[in-house]
Amino acid sequence: MEDFMALARTRHFSRAAELQHVSQPTFSRRIKLLEEAMGATLVNRQTLPLSLTPAGEAFVELCQRVTRDVRDTRGKIADMQAEVSARISVGSTQGLFSHFYQGWASEVDVAERLQLNLKATGWVGEQFLDALDNGECDLVLCYWHPDLPWGDRLSRGDYRTITLAREWLVPVSVAAENGQPRFSLPGVAGQTVPLIAYHGRGFLQSAIEAHLARTRQPVNLLPLNENTQSASVKALVKQGYGMGWLPSRMTEKSEHFGSLARAGDNRWDVPLDIRLIRLREPRSVDLLTLWKTLESQHAEHQDTVTSG
């Protein structure tokens, strides 16, 4: 179409080919292909200078409209890409993405400034920090507790955190017909309680194990498998395979409708923080501006992992 508009302006094959930076034979072939595609002669080659046929006049108007629309659309797309690039990338665990992120982002009015990295739902534990280090995301939204297996990495001073909220891991089991849990803590000797556990390198299993150690009460648990996602734990618990710990935000609806029941009193509840983590040196001014805004909004919960 740009070739044809050049020919319509110059009314000369050689000059039009020069404008389009191609040889005249190549240019002439392109015009011939256009005519074949349109099923009509577009150029009257018998006049000097060349003239357009009535079909050619109609076609050049089409070319002008289409190229204008393409140019405008290209500009809009470029603006959209720039807006997406300017957004701050967030990596979040699947559980927090499903049951916390959207409500929090809307409440603090930052949803339009953030872009979720959906690859993050497949990451486990320390991989979130790896993603921060290599630039796959600018922020990490995760559970935090002092017994993380890779907590020493956080303490080296390369990261900053903000505590956004508190959470509790609650022991749950499918309910029996009488409403009581089918499996409950602490179990008895010789009769173990089947456990749907979390992956050992994730955020939650180490918190559960440390909390059980601090209670100093014997528990008789038989781990059946390991899961990276709390949604997978919930699904297996609801199918009656065993008990498991779930974030309280994931149990509220189920407990309300009676499909899940507590598998122990609140001494078995495991405290957690929900934290936002970034690199000590932010990669953009926009990220630092957002961080300062969030710090002021969550000042009472602010916590950094270093004295810096």
Protein backbone atom coordinates (compact mmCIF):
# COMPACT_ATOMS: atom_id res chain seq x y z
CA MET A 1 0.00 0.00 0.00
CA GLU A 2 2.87 2.38 0.76
CA ASP A 3 4.36 1.46 -2.64
CA PHE A 4 1.10 2.35 -4.37
CA MET A 5 0.78 5.66 -2.51
CA ALA A 6 4.35 6.54 -3.54
CA LEU A 7 3.47 5.80 -7.15
CA ALA A 8 0.28 7.86 -6.87
CA ARG A 9 2.34 10.84 -5.59
CA THR A 10 5.19 10.65 -8.11
CA ARG A 11 3.31 9.21 -11.11
CA HIS A 12 6.67 7.68 -12.05
CA PHE A 13 7.87 4.09 -11.44
CA SER A 14 11.58 4.94 -11.13
CA ARG A 15 11.09 7.81 -8.68
CA ALA A 16 8.59 5.81 -6.62
CA ALA A 17 10.98 2.83 -6.48
CA GLU A 18 13.74 5.17 -5.29
CA LEU A 19 11.47 6.54 -2.54
CA GLN A 20 10.72 2.97 -1.42
CA HIS A 21 14.42 1.98 -1.55
CA VAL A 22 13.93 -0.90 -3.99
CA SER A 23 14.91 -1.55 -7.58
CA GLN A 24 12.48 -0.56 -10.31
CA PRO A 25 11.86 -4.19 -11.44
CA THR A 26 11.05 -5.17 -7.86
CA PHE A 27 8.79 -2.15 -7.45
CA SER A 28 6.96 -2.83 -10.73
CA ARG A 29 6.43 -6.44 -9.66
CA ARG A 30 4.89 -5.32 -6.38
CA ILE A 31 2.43 -3.03 -8.16
CA LYS A 32 1.52 -5.84 -10.56
CA LEU A 33 0.86 -8.15 -7.58
CA LEU A 34 -1.43 -5.49 -6.09
CA GLU A 35 -3.39 -5.31 -9.29
CA GLU A 36 -3.71 -9.07 -9.40
CA ALA A 37 -4.88 -9.13 -5.79
CA MET A 38 -7.50 -6.44 -6.50
CA GLY A 39 -8.55 -8.02 -9.79
CA ALA A 40 -8.31 -4.71 -11.66
CA THR A 41 -5.85 -2.44 -13.49
CA LEU A 42 -4.92 0.33 -11.07
CA VAL A 43 -2.37 2.26 -13.16
CA ASN A 44 -2.77 3.59 -16.70
CA ARG A 45 0.70 2.99 -18.10
CA GLN A 46 -0.12 4.57 -21.50
CA THR A 47 -0.12 8.15 -20.23
CA LEU A 48 2.86 10.33 -19.39
CA PRO A 49 3.09 10.98 -16.58
CA LEU A 50 1.33 7.85 -15.39
CA SER A 51 -2.25 8.19 -14.23
CA LEU A 52 -4.51 6.14 -12.00
CA THR A 53 -7.52 4.36 -13.35
CA PRO A 54 -10.87 4.90 -11.56
CA ALA A 55 -10.14 1.66 -9.69
CA GLY A 56 -6.71 3.04 -8.80
CA GLU A 57 -8.24 6.27 -7.46
CA ALA A 58 -10.57 4.24 -5.24
CA PHE A 59 -7.71 2.00 -4.13
CA VAL A 60 -5.37 4.86 -3.17
CA GLU A 61 -8.10 6.23 -0.88
CA LEU A 62 -8.26 2.82 0.78
CA CYS A 63 -4.48 2.78 1.13
CA GLN A 64 -4.53 6.17 2.83
CA ARG A 65 -7.23 5.12 5.30
CA VAL A 66 -5.61 1.80 6.17
CA THR A 67 -2.09 3.17 6.60
CA ARG A 68 -3.45 6.00 8.76
CA ASP A 69 -5.32 3.48 10.92
CA VAL A 70 -2.23 1.27 11.17
CA ARG A 71 -0.10 4.25 12.19
CA ASP A 72 -2.60 5.35 14.83
CA THR A 73 -2.99 1.80 16.14
CA ARG A 74 0.77 1.35 16.27
CA GLY A 75 0.98 4.48 18.41
CA LYS A 76 -1.74 3.23 20.74
CA ILE A 77 -0.01 -0.13 21.08
CA ALA A 78 3.28 1.60 21.84
CA ASP A 79 1.57 3.62 24.57
CA MET A 80 0.02 0.44 25.98
CA GLN A 81 3.40 -1.32 25.96
CA ALA A 82 5.00 1.64 27.69
CA GLU A 83 2.29 1.56 30.35
CA VAL A 84 2.79 -2.16 30.93
CA SER A 85 6.57 -1.72 31.07
CA ALA A 86 6.15 1.05 33.62
CA ARG A 87 4.13 -1.20 35.91
CA ILE A 88 5.93 -2.79 38.82
CA SER A 89 6.15 -6.56 38.54
CA VAL A 90 4.97 -8.60 41.54
CA GLY A 91 5.65 -12.26 42.25
CA SER A 92 3.12 -13.80 44.63
CA THR A 93 2.43 -17.24 46.04
CA GLN A 94 -0.72 -18.75 44.62
CA GLY A 95 -2.54 -18.68 47.95
CA LEU A 96 -1.85 -14.99 48.51
CA PHE A 97 -2.70 -14.16 44.92
CA SER A 98 -6.09 -15.89 45.28
CA HIS A 99 -7.05 -14.77 48.78
CA PHE A 100 -5.15 -11.57 49.58
CA TYR A 101 -3.50 -9.70 46.71
CA GLN A 102 -6.50 -8.33 44.85
CA GLY A 103 -8.31 -7.07 47.93
CA TRP A 104 -5.14 -5.50 49.34
CA ALA A 105 -4.11 -3.87 46.04
CA SER A 106 -7.56 -2.32 45.65
CA GLU A 107 -7.72 -1.19 49.28
CA VAL A 108 -4.40 0.68 49.12
CA ASP A 109 -5.13 1.88 45.55
CA VAL A 110 -2.06 0.41 43.85
CA ALA A 111 -3.68 -2.16 41.54
CA GLU A 112 -3.10 -0.03 38.42
CA ARG A 113 0.59 0.37 39.23
CA LEU A 114 1.32 -3.33 39.68
CA GLN A 115 1.62 -6.18 37.20
CA LEU A 116 1.44 -9.76 38.49
CA ASN A 117 4.05 -12.18 37.17
CA LEU A 118 1.92 -15.30 36.75
CA LYS A 119 5.03 -17.48 36.47
CA ALA A 120 5.44 -16.93 40.21
CA THR A 121 2.60 -19.31 41.06
CA GLY A 122 4.99 -22.16 40.18
CA TRP A 123 7.91 -20.90 42.28
CA VAL A 124 8.84 -22.43 45.63
CA GLY A 125 10.36 -20.64 48.61
CA GLU A 126 13.80 -19.28 47.85
CA GLN A 127 13.01 -19.08 44.13
CA PHE A 128 11.12 -15.88 44.91
CA LEU A 129 14.34 -14.25 46.11
CA ASP A 130 16.14 -15.59 43.04
CA ALA A 131 13.49 -13.87 40.91
CA LEU A 132 14.12 -10.58 42.71
CA ASP A 133 17.85 -10.93 42.19
CA ASN A 134 17.66 -11.69 38.47
CA GLY A 135 15.01 -9.08 37.66
CA GLU A 136 12.05 -11.37 36.96
CA CYS A 137 10.01 -9.32 39.40
CA ASP A 138 10.39 -6.10 41.40
CA LEU A 139 8.40 -7.14 44.46
CA VAL A 140 7.58 -10.42 46.18
CA LEU A 141 4.38 -10.93 48.15
CA CYS A 142 4.82 -13.89 50.48
CA TYR A 143 4.29 -15.39 53.91
CA TRP A 144 7.09 -14.77 56.38
CA HIS A 145 8.09 -16.22 59.72
CA PRO A 146 11.37 -16.35 61.67
CA ASP A 147 11.94 -20.05 60.95
CA LEU A 148 12.26 -19.87 57.18
CA PRO A 149 14.90 -22.39 56.05
CA TRP A 150 16.65 -19.70 53.99
CA GLY A 151 16.14 -16.87 56.47
CA ASP A 152 19.91 -16.29 56.65
CA ARG A 153 19.78 -15.05 53.08
CA LEU A 154 17.24 -12.41 54.07
CA SER A 155 19.45 -11.32 56.95
CA ARG A 156 22.41 -10.47 54.71
CA GLY A 157 21.05 -7.01 54.04
CA ASP A 158 20.18 -7.35 50.36
CA TYR A 159 16.43 -6.97 50.88
CA ARG A 160 13.83 -4.73 52.49
CA THR A 161 10.38 -5.80 53.68
CA ILE A 162 7.06 -4.31 54.74
CA THR A 163 4.60 -6.25 56.87
CA LEU A 164 1.19 -5.83 55.27
CA ALA A 165 -0.96 -8.08 57.47
CA ARG A 166 -1.01 -10.97 59.92
CA GLU A 167 -2.20 -14.45 59.06
CA TRP A 168 -2.74 -17.74 60.90
CA LEU A 169 -2.31 -21.26 59.66
CA VAL A 170 -5.29 -23.18 61.03
CA PRO A 171 -5.42 -27.00 61.33
CA VAL A 172 -8.46 -28.33 59.48
CA SER A 173 -10.04 -31.62 58.53
CA VAL A 174 -13.09 -32.69 56.60
CA ALA A 175 -16.06 -32.81 58.93
CA ALA A 176 -17.81 -36.02 59.90
CA GLU A 177 -21.61 -36.27 59.86
CA ASN A 178 -21.78 -35.00 63.45
CA GLY A 179 -19.80 -31.89 62.46
CA GLN A 180 -16.65 -33.00 64.30
CA PRO A 181 -13.33 -33.26 62.45
CA ARG A 182 -12.58 -36.68 61.02
CA PHE A 183 -8.93 -36.18 62.00
CA SER A 184 -7.80 -34.09 64.95
CA LEU A 185 -4.68 -33.10 66.86
CA PRO A 186 -2.64 -34.23 68.64
CA GLY A 187 -3.56 -37.83 67.81
CA VAL A 188 -2.81 -40.73 70.10
CA ALA A 189 0.03 -43.22 70.36
CA GLY A 190 -0.42 -46.06 67.93
CA GLN A 191 -2.99 -44.12 65.92
CA THR A 192 -1.31 -41.52 63.74
CA VAL A 193 -3.10 -38.58 62.16
CA PRO A 194 -2.60 -38.44 58.36
CA LEU A 195 -1.11 -35.11 57.36
CA ILE A 196 -1.29 -33.33 54.01
CA ALA A 197 1.99 -31.45 54.28
CA TYR A 198 3.70 -28.57 52.48
CA HIS A 199 6.94 -28.66 50.53
CA GLY A 200 9.88 -28.44 52.91
CA ARG A 201 11.54 -25.58 51.01
CA GLY A 202 8.41 -23.47 50.84
CA PHE A 203 7.17 -20.80 53.22
CA LEU A 204 4.77 -22.80 55.38
CA GLN A 205 6.06 -26.24 56.38
CA SER A 206 8.98 -24.89 58.39
CA ALA A 207 6.59 -22.57 60.25
CA ILE A 208 4.36 -25.51 61.17
CA GLU A 209 7.26 -27.68 62.30
CA ALA A 210 8.80 -24.91 64.41
CA HIS A 211 5.45 -24.12 66.01
CA LEU A 212 4.86 -27.78 66.88
CA ALA A 213 8.32 -27.93 68.45
CA ARG A 214 7.55 -24.89 70.58
CA THR A 215 4.29 -26.36 71.88
CA ARG A 216 6.31 -29.21 73.43
CA GLN A 217 3.30 -31.46 73.19
CA PRO A 218 3.78 -34.77 71.38
CA VAL A 219 1.92 -35.07 68.11
CA ASN A 220 1.37 -38.24 66.14
CA LEU A 221 1.37 -37.18 62.51
CA LEU A 222 1.93 -39.26 59.40
CA PRO A 223 2.84 -37.02 56.42
CA LEU A 224 1.29 -38.47 53.27
CA ASN A 225 2.77 -36.14 50.68
CA GLU A 226 4.18 -32.66 50.09
CA ASN A 227 2.45 -29.83 48.23
CA THR A 228 3.76 -26.50 47.03
CA GLN A 229 0.33 -24.86 46.96
CA SER A 230 -2.15 -24.41 49.81
CA ALA A 231 -4.96 -24.93 47.28
CA SER A 232 -3.66 -28.47 46.72
CA VAL A 233 -3.56 -29.10 50.47
CA LYS A 234 -7.13 -27.85 50.79
CA ALA A 235 -8.34 -30.08 47.95
CA LEU A 236 -6.84 -33.21 49.51
CA VAL A 237 -8.12 -32.31 52.97
CA LYS A 238 -11.64 -31.76 51.63
CA GLN A 239 -11.51 -35.17 49.96
CA GLY A 240 -10.84 -36.73 53.36
CA TYR A 241 -7.27 -37.93 52.87
CA GLY A 242 -6.02 -36.27 56.04
CA MET A 243 -5.77 -33.04 57.99
CA GLY A 244 -3.69 -30.03 57.03
CA TRP A 245 -2.90 -26.45 57.94
CA LEU A 246 -4.49 -23.75 55.81
CA PRO A 247 -4.25 -19.95 55.91
CA SER A 248 -7.29 -18.69 57.77
CA ARG A 249 -8.37 -16.66 54.73
CA MET A 250 -8.80 -19.94 52.86
CA THR A 251 -10.88 -21.59 55.58
CA GLU A 252 -13.43 -18.88 56.36
CA LYS A 253 -15.90 -19.78 53.61
CA SER A 254 -15.45 -23.53 54.03
CA GLU A 255 -15.93 -23.39 57.79
CA HIS A 256 -18.98 -21.19 57.34
CA PHE A 257 -20.60 -23.80 55.11
CA GLY A 258 -19.48 -26.70 57.25
CA SER A 259 -17.37 -28.67 54.75
CA LEU A 260 -14.24 -28.22 56.88
CA ALA A 261 -13.85 -28.29 60.63
CA ARG A 262 -11.05 -27.30 62.94
CA ALA A 263 -8.70 -30.18 63.66
CA GLY A 264 -7.48 -28.65 66.92
CA ASP A 265 -7.92 -25.65 69.18
CA ASN A 266 -6.09 -22.36 68.70
CA ARG A 267 -2.90 -23.54 70.42
CA TRP A 268 -2.18 -25.31 67.12
CA ASP A 269 -2.65 -22.12 65.08
CA VAL A 270 0.61 -20.99 63.49
CA PRO A 271 1.25 -17.20 63.30
CA LEU A 272 2.57 -15.72 60.06
CA ASP A 273 3.28 -12.33 58.52
CA ILE A 274 2.24 -11.36 55.02
CA ARG A 275 5.14 -9.35 53.71
CA LEU A 276 6.23 -7.45 50.66
CA ILE A 277 9.93 -7.81 49.79
CA ARG A 278 12.15 -5.81 47.45
CA LEU A 279 15.86 -5.51 46.78
CA ARG A 280 17.73 -3.06 48.98
CA GLU A 281 18.58 -1.04 45.85
CA PRO A 282 15.35 -0.58 43.87
CA ARG A 283 15.63 -0.76 40.08
CA SER A 284 13.46 2.29 39.39
CA VAL A 285 12.34 5.58 40.88
CA ASP A 286 8.72 4.44 40.48
CA LEU A 287 9.37 1.41 42.68
CA LEU A 288 10.99 3.53 45.39
CA THR A 289 8.10 6.01 45.26
CA LEU A 290 5.57 3.20 45.60
CA TRP A 291 7.54 1.65 48.44
CA LYS A 292 7.57 4.90 50.40
CA THR A 293 3.83 5.23 49.90
CA LEU A 294 3.25 1.71 51.20
CA GLU A 295 5.60 2.31 54.13
CA SER A 296 3.56 5.30 55.20
CA GLN A 297 0.32 3.33 54.84
CA HIS A 298 1.66 0.40 56.85
CA ALA A 299 3.92 2.33 59.21
CA GLU A 300 2.72 0.48 62.28
CA HIS A 301 3.65 -2.83 60.66
CA GLN A 302 6.86 -1.74 58.98
CA ASP A 303 9.74 -4.13 59.43
CA THR A 304 13.05 -4.39 57.62
CA VAL A 305 15.34 -7.40 57.72
CA THR A 306 18.48 -5.33 58.29
CA SER A 307 19.45 -2.37 60.37
CA GLY A 308 20.15 -0.42 57.18
